[in-house]
Protein backbone atom coordinates (compact mmCIF):
# COMPACT_ATOMS: atom_id res chain seq x y z
CA MET A 1 127.64 128.35 -84.31
CA ASP A 2 128.86 125.94 -86.98
CA LYS A 3 126.53 125.44 -89.89
CA ILE A 4 125.01 122.04 -90.54
CA ARG A 5 125.98 120.47 -93.85
CA VAL A 6 123.00 119.56 -96.03
CA HIS A 7 123.89 117.59 -99.13
CA ILE A 8 121.44 117.42 -102.02
CA GLU A 9 121.41 114.66 -104.62
CA PRO A 10 119.32 116.24 -107.40
CA ASN A 11 117.69 112.99 -108.68
CA SER A 12 119.22 110.80 -111.36
CA GLY A 13 115.98 110.44 -113.34
CA SER A 14 115.37 112.44 -116.49
CA ASN A 15 111.95 113.81 -115.51
CA ARG A 16 112.27 117.56 -114.98
CA PHE A 17 109.42 117.61 -112.46
CA PHE A 18 111.56 115.73 -109.92
CA LYS A 19 114.79 117.73 -110.16
CA ILE A 20 116.11 119.30 -106.94
CA ASP A 21 118.56 121.87 -108.27
CA LYS A 22 119.61 125.39 -107.29
CA ALA A 23 116.93 126.93 -109.49
CA ALA A 24 114.25 124.91 -107.70
CA LEU A 25 115.49 126.06 -104.31
CA GLU A 26 115.57 129.70 -105.38
CA GLN A 27 112.00 129.71 -106.70
CA ASP A 28 110.42 128.28 -103.57
CA ARG A 29 109.64 129.91 -100.20
CA PHE A 30 112.42 127.62 -99.05
CA ALA A 31 114.88 130.21 -100.39
CA THR A 32 113.78 133.00 -98.03
CA ASP A 33 113.34 131.06 -94.82
CA PRO A 34 115.69 132.17 -92.00
CA ILE A 35 116.53 128.54 -91.25
CA LEU A 36 118.81 128.58 -94.32
CA GLU A 37 121.26 130.77 -92.44
CA ARG A 38 122.04 127.77 -90.24
CA ILE A 39 122.87 125.30 -93.02
CA ASP A 40 125.55 124.87 -95.64
CA ILE A 41 124.32 123.24 -98.86
CA SER A 42 126.33 121.10 -101.27
CA PHE A 43 125.11 119.41 -104.43
CA GLY A 44 125.85 115.98 -105.85
CA GLY A 45 125.07 114.72 -109.31
CA VAL A 46 127.58 115.17 -112.10
CA ASN A 47 129.90 117.70 -110.45
CA ASP A 48 133.21 116.68 -108.85
CA GLN A 49 132.30 118.17 -105.46
CA GLY A 50 129.44 115.71 -104.92
CA ALA A 51 131.49 113.01 -103.23
CA GLU A 52 133.17 115.48 -100.87
CA GLY A 53 129.85 117.13 -99.99
CA LEU A 54 128.29 113.78 -99.17
CA SER A 55 131.26 112.77 -97.00
CA TYR A 56 130.69 115.77 -94.71
CA ALA A 57 126.89 115.76 -94.78
CA GLU A 58 124.80 115.48 -91.62
CA ILE A 59 121.57 115.74 -93.64
CA LEU A 60 120.85 114.32 -97.08
CA LEU A 61 117.99 115.51 -99.30
CA CYS A 62 117.65 113.18 -102.23
CA GLY A 63 115.68 111.80 -105.10
CA ARG A 64 116.89 108.67 -106.85
CA PHE A 65 120.65 108.33 -106.92
CA ASP A 66 123.37 105.72 -106.54
CA ALA A 67 123.15 105.03 -102.80
CA SER A 68 125.48 102.03 -102.81
CA ASN A 69 127.78 101.88 -99.77
CA LEU A 70 126.12 104.99 -98.38
CA PRO A 71 127.23 104.45 -94.74
CA GLU A 72 130.88 104.41 -95.89
CA ARG A 73 130.45 107.36 -98.26
CA ALA A 74 128.52 109.47 -95.72
CA PRO A 75 129.89 108.59 -92.26
CA LYS A 76 128.54 111.78 -90.61
CA LEU A 77 124.99 111.28 -91.86
CA LYS A 78 122.18 111.49 -89.28
CA TRP A 79 119.06 112.12 -91.36
CA ILE A 80 117.93 111.38 -94.93
CA GLN A 81 114.89 113.10 -96.46
CA SER A 82 113.67 111.47 -99.66
CA ILE A 83 111.46 113.40 -102.06
CA PHE A 84 109.60 110.16 -102.79
CA ALA A 85 107.06 108.26 -100.70
CA GLY A 86 108.35 104.84 -101.81
CA VAL A 87 111.83 104.29 -100.37
CA GLU A 88 112.18 100.50 -100.55
CA SER A 89 115.24 100.72 -102.82
CA LEU A 90 116.97 103.16 -100.45
CA ILE A 91 116.29 101.33 -97.18
CA PRO A 92 118.98 98.62 -97.59
CA GLN A 93 121.65 101.36 -97.73
CA VAL A 94 120.49 103.24 -94.62
CA ALA A 95 122.44 102.65 -91.41
CA GLU A 96 120.40 101.77 -88.33
CA ASN A 97 121.39 104.99 -86.54
CA VAL A 98 120.21 107.20 -89.43
CA ILE A 99 116.67 108.62 -89.58
CA LEU A 100 114.91 108.18 -92.94
CA THR A 101 111.89 110.31 -93.79
CA ASN A 102 109.79 110.33 -96.94
CA THR A 103 107.10 112.48 -98.54
CA SER A 104 104.19 110.28 -97.51
CA GLY A 105 100.95 112.16 -98.10
CA ILE A 106 102.26 114.27 -100.96
CA HIS A 107 100.20 112.19 -103.39
CA ALA A 108 97.00 112.04 -101.34
CA ASN A 109 94.94 114.61 -103.25
CA LYS A 110 95.75 113.14 -106.65
CA ALA A 111 95.27 109.60 -105.32
CA GLY A 112 91.75 110.38 -104.17
CA GLU A 113 90.89 112.03 -107.48
CA TYR A 114 92.42 109.31 -109.66
CA ALA A 115 90.84 106.44 -107.76
CA MET A 116 87.42 108.08 -107.72
CA GLY A 117 87.69 108.88 -111.41
CA ALA A 118 88.57 105.25 -112.11
CA ILE A 119 85.65 104.03 -109.99
CA LEU A 120 83.22 106.29 -111.84
CA SER A 121 84.70 105.25 -115.17
CA ILE A 122 84.43 101.51 -114.50
CA ASN A 123 80.97 101.93 -112.99
CA GLY A 124 79.87 103.84 -116.07
CA SER A 125 81.34 101.24 -118.49
CA VAL A 126 83.67 103.83 -120.02
CA PRO A 127 86.40 101.26 -120.89
CA GLN A 128 83.79 99.23 -122.81
CA PHE A 129 82.53 102.34 -124.62
CA ILE A 130 86.07 103.25 -125.71
CA GLN A 131 86.72 99.77 -127.07
CA ALA A 132 83.34 99.70 -128.82
CA GLN A 133 84.13 103.07 -130.38
CA HIS A 134 87.38 101.69 -131.81
CA ARG A 135 85.36 98.85 -133.32
CA LEU A 136 82.81 101.34 -134.71
CA GLU A 137 80.20 99.51 -132.63
CA TRP A 138 77.10 101.11 -131.09
CA LEU A 139 76.97 99.40 -127.69
CA PRO A 140 74.45 100.77 -125.16
CA ILE A 141 75.22 99.68 -121.58
CA TYR A 142 72.99 100.80 -118.71
CA THR A 143 74.50 101.08 -115.25
CA SER A 144 73.44 102.20 -111.78
CA SER A 145 74.87 104.93 -109.57
CA VAL A 146 77.91 104.31 -107.35
CA ALA A 147 75.87 105.46 -104.34
CA ASP A 148 75.45 102.70 -101.74
CA LYS A 149 78.13 100.55 -103.40
CA THR A 150 81.15 99.31 -101.47
CA VAL A 151 84.78 100.19 -102.14
CA LEU A 152 87.25 97.88 -100.41
CA ILE A 153 90.58 99.65 -99.95
CA LEU A 154 93.76 97.71 -99.21
CA GLY A 155 95.79 100.00 -97.00
CA THR A 156 94.55 102.68 -94.63
CA GLY A 157 97.37 105.21 -94.93
CA LYS A 158 97.18 108.75 -96.27
CA LEU A 159 96.41 107.74 -99.86
CA ALA A 160 93.73 105.31 -98.75
CA ARG A 161 92.11 107.86 -96.45
CA ALA A 162 91.84 110.35 -99.30
CA ILE A 163 90.21 107.69 -101.46
CA ALA A 164 87.77 106.78 -98.69
CA ARG A 165 86.87 110.44 -98.22
CA HIS A 166 86.10 110.89 -101.93
CA ALA A 167 84.12 107.65 -102.07
CA ARG A 168 81.95 108.59 -99.12
CA HIS A 169 81.28 111.97 -100.73
CA PHE A 170 79.60 110.01 -103.53
CA GLY A 171 77.54 108.03 -101.04
CA MET A 172 79.71 104.92 -101.16
CA ARG A 173 80.65 102.66 -98.27
CA ALA A 174 84.41 102.68 -97.62
CA VAL A 175 85.93 99.57 -96.02
CA GLY A 176 89.63 99.45 -95.19
CA VAL A 177 92.04 96.56 -94.74
CA SER A 178 95.32 96.95 -92.87
CA THR A 179 97.71 94.95 -90.73
CA THR A 180 96.01 95.96 -87.48
CA GLY A 181 92.48 96.61 -88.71
CA GLN A 182 92.31 99.76 -86.59
CA LEU A 183 89.59 102.18 -87.71
CA GLN A 184 91.05 105.18 -89.54
CA PRO A 185 89.52 108.58 -90.43
CA GLY A 186 87.28 108.53 -93.51
CA PHE A 187 86.37 104.85 -93.35
CA ASP A 188 83.06 103.29 -92.40
CA GLU A 189 84.90 100.27 -91.06
CA CYS A 190 88.34 98.68 -91.08
CA HIS A 191 89.48 95.07 -90.78
CA PRO A 192 92.78 93.19 -90.33
CA SER A 193 94.48 91.62 -93.33
CA GLY A 194 93.32 88.16 -92.32
CA ALA A 195 89.73 89.13 -93.13
CA LEU A 196 90.48 89.99 -96.78
CA ASP A 197 89.12 86.79 -98.31
CA GLU A 198 85.75 87.12 -96.61
CA LEU A 199 85.46 90.80 -97.53
CA LEU A 200 86.17 90.40 -101.26
CA PRO A 201 82.75 88.99 -102.28
CA CYS A 202 81.11 92.14 -100.88
CA ALA A 203 83.30 94.56 -102.83
CA ASP A 204 81.98 96.45 -105.83
CA PHE A 205 85.42 98.00 -106.26
CA LEU A 206 88.82 96.94 -104.95
CA VAL A 207 91.40 99.71 -104.63
CA MET A 208 94.98 98.79 -103.77
CA ALA A 209 97.05 101.46 -102.02
CA LEU A 210 99.78 99.36 -100.44
CA PRO A 211 103.51 99.86 -99.84
CA GLU A 212 105.98 97.20 -100.95
CA THR A 213 106.80 94.89 -98.06
CA PRO A 214 107.20 91.12 -97.68
CA ALA A 215 103.67 91.02 -96.22
CA THR A 216 102.06 92.78 -99.20
CA LYS A 217 103.78 90.86 -101.99
CA ASN A 218 101.14 89.02 -104.08
CA ILE A 219 98.47 89.77 -101.50
CA VAL A 220 95.96 89.82 -104.38
CA GLY A 221 96.46 86.76 -106.54
CA ARG A 222 94.24 84.53 -108.63
CA ARG A 223 92.43 83.11 -105.59
CA GLN A 224 91.56 86.58 -104.28
CA LEU A 225 90.46 87.81 -107.72
CA ASP A 226 88.19 84.78 -108.04
CA ARG A 227 86.38 85.90 -104.89
CA LEU A 228 85.43 89.27 -106.37
CA PRO A 229 81.98 89.62 -107.97
CA ARG A 230 81.94 89.62 -111.79
CA HIS A 231 80.70 93.23 -111.76
CA ALA A 232 83.64 94.42 -109.60
CA GLY A 233 86.37 96.79 -110.72
CA LEU A 234 89.99 96.96 -109.57
CA ILE A 235 92.36 99.92 -109.24
CA ASN A 236 96.02 99.64 -108.20
CA ILE A 237 97.85 102.84 -107.22
CA GLY A 238 100.18 101.26 -104.65
CA ARG A 239 103.03 98.92 -105.45
CA ALA A 240 102.83 96.54 -108.41
CA SER A 241 104.24 93.62 -106.44
CA ALA A 242 101.00 93.37 -104.44
CA LEU A 243 98.99 92.22 -107.50
CA ASP A 244 99.21 89.21 -109.82
CA VAL A 245 98.67 91.08 -113.09
CA ARG A 246 98.65 87.91 -115.20
CA ALA A 247 95.70 86.64 -113.18
CA LEU A 248 94.02 90.04 -113.54
CA SER A 249 94.53 89.99 -117.31
CA ASP A 250 93.00 86.51 -117.50
CA LYS A 251 89.97 87.59 -115.47
CA LEU A 252 89.35 90.63 -117.67
CA ALA A 253 89.79 88.63 -120.88
CA ALA A 254 87.27 86.08 -119.62
CA ASP A 255 84.74 88.86 -118.87
CA GLU A 256 84.87 87.99 -115.18
CA LEU A 257 85.58 91.54 -113.96
CA ALA A 258 84.05 94.83 -115.09
CA GLY A 259 87.31 96.68 -115.59
CA ALA A 260 90.62 97.77 -114.07
CA TYR A 261 92.95 100.75 -113.84
CA LEU A 262 96.67 100.23 -113.25
CA ASP A 263 99.21 102.97 -112.59
CA VAL A 264 102.04 100.75 -111.31
CA PHE A 265 103.97 97.91 -112.92
CA GLU A 266 106.81 95.54 -112.08
CA GLN A 267 108.72 96.90 -115.08
CA ASP A 268 108.67 100.65 -115.60
CA PRO A 269 108.16 101.49 -118.47
CA LEU A 270 105.85 98.58 -119.25
CA PRO A 271 107.43 96.49 -122.06
CA THR A 272 105.67 96.66 -125.40
CA THR A 273 105.47 92.85 -125.33
CA SER A 274 103.28 92.82 -122.22
CA GLU A 275 99.81 91.29 -122.60
CA LEU A 276 98.45 94.15 -120.49
CA TRP A 277 98.51 96.52 -123.47
CA THR A 278 95.80 94.51 -125.21
CA THR A 279 93.84 93.31 -122.17
CA PRO A 280 90.17 94.27 -122.58
CA ARG A 281 88.66 96.85 -120.20
CA LEU A 282 92.07 97.65 -118.72
CA VAL A 283 93.20 101.28 -118.58
CA ILE A 284 96.93 101.88 -118.20
CA SER A 285 98.42 105.10 -116.86
CA PRO A 286 102.25 105.19 -117.03
CA HIS A 287 103.06 105.59 -113.32
CA CYS A 288 102.24 109.29 -113.27
CA ALA A 289 98.64 109.48 -112.06
CA LEU A 290 99.44 110.46 -108.46
CA ASP A 291 102.18 113.00 -109.13
CA ASP A 292 101.36 116.71 -109.12
CA GLY A 293 104.15 117.40 -111.60
CA PRO A 294 104.21 121.22 -111.66
CA ASN A 295 104.11 121.40 -107.85
CA TYR A 296 106.03 118.25 -106.90
CA ILE A 297 109.31 119.81 -105.79
CA LYS A 298 107.49 122.68 -104.08
CA LEU A 299 105.44 120.21 -102.05
CA SER A 300 108.52 118.07 -101.31
CA LEU A 301 110.54 121.07 -100.16
CA GLY A 302 107.65 122.09 -97.92
CA ILE A 303 107.89 118.76 -96.09
CA PHE A 304 111.68 119.01 -95.93
CA LEU A 305 111.56 122.58 -94.60
CA GLU A 306 109.13 121.63 -91.81
CA ASN A 307 111.30 118.64 -90.91
CA LEU A 308 114.46 120.79 -91.01
CA LYS A 309 112.93 123.14 -88.43
CA ARG A 310 111.97 120.16 -86.29
CA TYR A 311 115.46 118.71 -86.62
CA MET A 312 117.06 121.98 -85.56
CA SER A 313 114.80 122.23 -82.51
CA GLY A 314 115.21 118.59 -81.52
CA SER A 315 111.55 117.77 -82.21
CA THR A 316 110.20 114.54 -83.72
CA LEU A 317 110.34 114.50 -87.51
CA GLN A 318 107.33 113.88 -89.74
CA ASN A 319 107.06 110.83 -92.03
CA VAL A 320 109.72 108.76 -90.31
CA VAL A 321 110.12 105.43 -92.11
CA ASP A 322 110.31 102.22 -90.09
CA LEU A 323 113.35 100.57 -91.67
CA LYS A 324 112.11 97.09 -90.72
CA ARG A 325 108.54 97.49 -91.95
CA GLY A 326 109.61 99.39 -95.07
CA TYR A 327 107.24 102.35 -94.72
């Protein structure tokens, strides 16, 4: 039986936590699985054999790389497994007859923890305490518990479900908003996107966990922020394009929102000239809050290995991306 060619593009970024190299493969359970006897692996990146390996590949495992003209460069390709959940930059280069899968769900545990930590922080006035400390100001602020408060979550996917689960553990009410409004596990209730405006005034916290699609772009702008109560907090862990950050900055500066946490930005890294750096009660994390760095490649390879077994047996793959919807 001929072996199936799997080509690996190691990831063009400099962050060592996202490198798929030979050492990473050898240290994981991936290295000892019998399924490896049925594949032939080639590596891209800086070596001269990368182009040839890609040209013969049936399967591509990749991080970020130059995917321009991919259908012409990889004419035998049938399946692409990305190590990232967000694949919007890759989608335009994927032929219609090629299956694209991502690592959706790999960030769920960290997403739930980060969002809940941000909710507790905003509820407890921690951003105000930090700023008062820098001013050498003694500023007592008395707040209530998060129990019985409402968290409105935009998106009801795996990240959102983890957030809802954590919120309900603290006695909060979790309300989801999605395209269909279909009730999902972990939520008290879910509504279609068209109901967003009427739901915002009831939100104590707004958490955004959305993919980047034409439908989600600027879904929370100045008009939506104006509908939030003054005591509300906002957390964005999805895509930056869904939020008007200038409007958010204005609201925080005017003391019309309690606080915000942002982990995603239109420009990454955030330019030093951005007004967000000095926006009051805004906490910035540099697009790293959801990544389990030390275990990222191990978790990614686990998803790839399960999908590889499914591919070999002709079963349906996990985390298949709808190329039209973008996720």
